[in-house]
Amino acid sequence: MSTPLPPLDGHLFGPGQPCFGCGPDHPYGFHLTFAREGDEIVTRFTPGDRYQGPPGIMHGGLVSTLADEVAAWALIGLLGKFGFTASFDAKLHKAVRIGVPLEGRSIITRDARRIVDVAVRIVQDGADAFTGSFRFVVLDQGGAERMLGGPIPDAWKRFCR
């Protein structure tokens, strides 16, 4: 049996990083952590009341946000790179229930160095609630700084192409 890898989380990007999905200190964020399981990145999350749209159901836009975060961490956890979402295709198969644990999984389906494609599944109660494909652009430091409109934090530099 292999030793589990330590969790991957927003602490990799330094203190005070603002990500809604993985920022450990974000006041309303998901505070997601991730683990590598073979060629996949996995997170487990139970959506709370603050994330609902219709009563008892997680807001569909936030389900997509969760999936985007799971996809982004495939690049970080599997490639050691940071990418910016360029496009995605999503299918909501069933409502994601508030208060019910879910599992998100991502796998890289194509790595062309500057462009990376990722498949994502979100499962709740043993059934697919969401499936999607995401495309990321992986930038060098200069490109990342142009995208952000200023210098990138020092802790991010190692994740540039």
Protein backbone atom coordinates (compact mmCIF):
# COMPACT_ATOMS: atom_id res chain seq x y z
CA MET A 1 0.00 0.00 0.00
CA SER A 2 1.42 3.40 -0.97
CA THR A 3 1.76 6.29 1.42
CA PRO A 4 -0.90 8.94 0.77
CA LEU A 5 0.41 12.26 -0.46
CA PRO A 6 -0.15 15.33 1.71
CA PRO A 7 -3.21 17.41 0.81
CA LEU A 8 -2.87 20.08 -1.81
CA ASP A 9 -4.43 23.38 -0.78
CA GLY A 10 -4.29 27.13 -1.16
CA HIS A 11 -1.39 27.45 1.26
CA LEU A 12 0.85 26.62 -1.74
CA PHE A 13 0.17 30.14 -3.02
CA GLY A 14 1.23 31.95 0.13
CA PRO A 15 -0.67 33.69 2.91
CA GLY A 16 -3.79 35.71 2.18
CA GLN A 17 -4.35 34.43 -1.34
CA PRO A 18 -7.89 35.37 -2.42
CA CYS A 19 -9.18 32.30 -4.30
CA PHE A 20 -12.87 31.58 -3.64
CA GLY A 21 -12.35 27.86 -4.25
CA CYS A 22 -9.17 27.03 -2.35
CA GLY A 23 -8.24 30.13 -0.36
CA PRO A 24 -7.89 28.92 3.24
CA ASP A 25 -8.79 32.36 4.60
CA HIS A 26 -11.53 33.40 2.16
CA PRO A 27 -14.50 34.49 4.30
CA TYR A 28 -17.17 32.77 2.15
CA GLY A 29 -15.14 30.43 -0.05
CA PHE A 30 -15.22 26.67 -0.38
CA HIS A 31 -11.83 26.17 1.41
CA LEU A 32 -11.21 23.11 -0.75
CA THR A 33 -8.26 20.79 -0.28
CA PHE A 34 -7.17 18.20 -2.81
CA ALA A 35 -5.28 14.94 -2.98
CA ARG A 36 -3.66 13.08 -5.81
CA GLU A 37 -4.98 9.56 -6.39
CA GLY A 38 -3.01 8.04 -9.26
CA ASP A 39 -3.62 10.22 -12.33
CA GLU A 40 -6.55 12.04 -10.72
CA ILE A 41 -7.02 14.96 -8.37
CA VAL A 42 -9.78 14.49 -5.80
CA THR A 43 -11.63 16.77 -3.42
CA ARG A 44 -14.49 16.12 -1.03
CA PHE A 45 -16.90 18.86 -0.05
CA THR A 46 -20.27 19.24 1.63
CA PRO A 47 -22.10 22.35 0.36
CA GLY A 48 -23.64 24.46 3.10
CA ASP A 49 -26.72 26.69 3.14
CA ARG A 50 -24.79 29.76 1.97
CA TYR A 51 -24.24 28.09 -1.41
CA GLN A 52 -27.84 27.36 -2.30
CA GLY A 53 -29.90 28.78 -5.12
CA PRO A 54 -33.31 27.12 -4.92
CA PRO A 55 -34.04 25.84 -1.40
CA GLY A 56 -31.90 22.81 -0.62
CA ILE A 57 -30.03 22.89 -3.94
CA MET A 58 -26.55 24.24 -4.63
CA HIS A 59 -26.59 27.19 -7.04
CA GLY A 60 -25.69 25.90 -10.53
CA GLY A 61 -23.10 28.63 -11.06
CA LEU A 62 -21.38 27.59 -7.85
CA VAL A 63 -21.41 23.95 -8.96
CA SER A 64 -19.58 25.12 -12.08
CA THR A 65 -17.19 27.14 -9.89
CA LEU A 66 -16.48 24.04 -7.85
CA ALA A 67 -15.82 22.03 -11.04
CA ASP A 68 -13.52 24.75 -12.40
CA GLU A 69 -11.51 24.61 -9.19
CA VAL A 70 -11.22 20.82 -9.33
CA ALA A 71 -10.04 21.15 -12.95
CA ALA A 72 -7.51 23.87 -12.12
CA TRP A 73 -5.97 21.72 -9.41
CA ALA A 74 -5.32 18.97 -11.96
CA LEU A 75 -2.72 21.31 -13.48
CA ILE A 76 -1.30 22.26 -10.09
CA GLY A 77 -1.28 18.78 -8.57
CA LEU A 78 -0.33 16.75 -11.64
CA LEU A 79 1.81 19.15 -13.68
CA GLY A 80 3.06 21.67 -11.12
CA LYS A 81 1.66 24.48 -13.30
CA PHE A 82 -0.99 27.16 -12.94
CA GLY A 83 -3.46 27.73 -15.75
CA PHE A 84 -6.15 30.25 -16.56
CA THR A 85 -9.54 28.89 -17.63
CA ALA A 86 -10.05 29.54 -21.34
CA SER A 87 -13.29 27.60 -21.92
CA PHE A 88 -15.46 24.87 -20.50
CA ASP A 89 -18.37 22.64 -21.43
CA ALA A 90 -20.61 21.51 -18.60
CA LYS A 91 -23.53 19.19 -18.02
CA LEU A 92 -25.56 19.20 -14.83
CA HIS A 93 -27.06 15.72 -14.57
CA LYS A 94 -28.98 16.23 -11.34
CA ALA A 95 -29.38 18.79 -8.61
CA VAL A 96 -26.51 19.04 -6.14
CA ARG A 97 -28.07 18.88 -2.68
CA ILE A 98 -27.09 21.11 0.20
CA GLY A 99 -25.74 19.23 3.21
CA VAL A 100 -24.90 16.08 1.24
CA PRO A 101 -21.22 15.20 0.76
CA LEU A 102 -19.88 15.15 -2.78
CA GLU A 103 -16.68 14.15 -4.47
CA GLY A 104 -15.00 15.99 -7.33
CA ARG A 105 -12.43 14.29 -9.58
CA SER A 106 -10.31 15.67 -12.39
CA ILE A 107 -7.94 14.11 -14.90
CA ILE A 108 -5.80 15.64 -17.61
CA THR A 109 -6.99 14.51 -21.03
CA ARG A 110 -4.53 16.50 -23.16
CA ASP A 111 -1.31 18.33 -22.28
CA ALA A 112 0.05 20.45 -25.12
CA ARG A 113 2.33 22.50 -22.82
CA ARG A 114 0.55 25.85 -23.32
CA ILE A 115 -2.95 24.36 -23.58
CA VAL A 116 -4.20 21.71 -21.14
CA ASP A 117 -7.58 19.95 -21.29
CA VAL A 118 -9.13 18.47 -18.15
CA ALA A 119 -12.19 16.27 -17.56
CA VAL A 120 -14.16 16.71 -14.32
CA ARG A 121 -16.79 14.63 -12.54
CA ILE A 122 -18.76 15.63 -9.47
CA VAL A 123 -20.50 12.72 -7.81
CA GLN A 124 -23.13 12.91 -5.07
CA ASP A 125 -24.99 9.93 -3.60
CA GLY A 126 -23.16 7.60 -5.98
CA ALA A 127 -24.34 9.30 -9.18
CA ASP A 128 -22.89 11.90 -11.52
CA ALA A 129 -24.27 15.32 -10.68
CA PHE A 130 -21.92 17.17 -13.04
CA THR A 131 -19.53 16.28 -15.84
CA GLY A 132 -17.50 18.71 -17.85
CA SER A 133 -14.39 19.45 -19.86
CA PHE A 134 -12.19 22.45 -19.24
CA ARG A 135 -9.44 24.06 -21.30
CA PHE A 136 -6.66 26.02 -19.61
CA VAL A 137 -3.95 28.23 -21.00
CA VAL A 138 -0.62 27.94 -19.18
CA LEU A 139 1.29 31.22 -19.33
CA ASP A 140 4.85 32.24 -18.66
CA GLN A 141 5.44 34.85 -15.94
CA GLY A 142 5.06 37.80 -18.32
CA GLY A 143 1.80 36.45 -19.74
CA ALA A 144 0.45 35.77 -16.24
CA GLU A 145 1.30 39.31 -15.17
CA ARG A 146 -0.46 40.74 -18.22
CA MET A 147 -3.51 38.59 -17.44
CA LEU A 148 -3.55 39.74 -13.80
CA GLY A 149 -2.77 43.36 -14.65
CA GLY A 150 0.29 43.47 -12.42
CA PRO A 151 3.05 41.42 -10.85
CA ILE A 152 2.26 37.91 -9.71
CA PRO A 153 2.94 36.98 -6.10
CA ASP A 154 6.35 35.40 -5.51
CA ALA A 155 4.74 32.12 -4.37
CA TRP A 156 3.06 31.80 -7.80
CA LYS A 157 6.20 32.14 -9.91
CA ARG A 158 7.18 28.46 -9.66
CA PHE A 159 3.85 27.49 -11.27
CA CYS A 160 4.40 29.52 -14.45
CA ARG A 161 5.32 27.83 -17.73
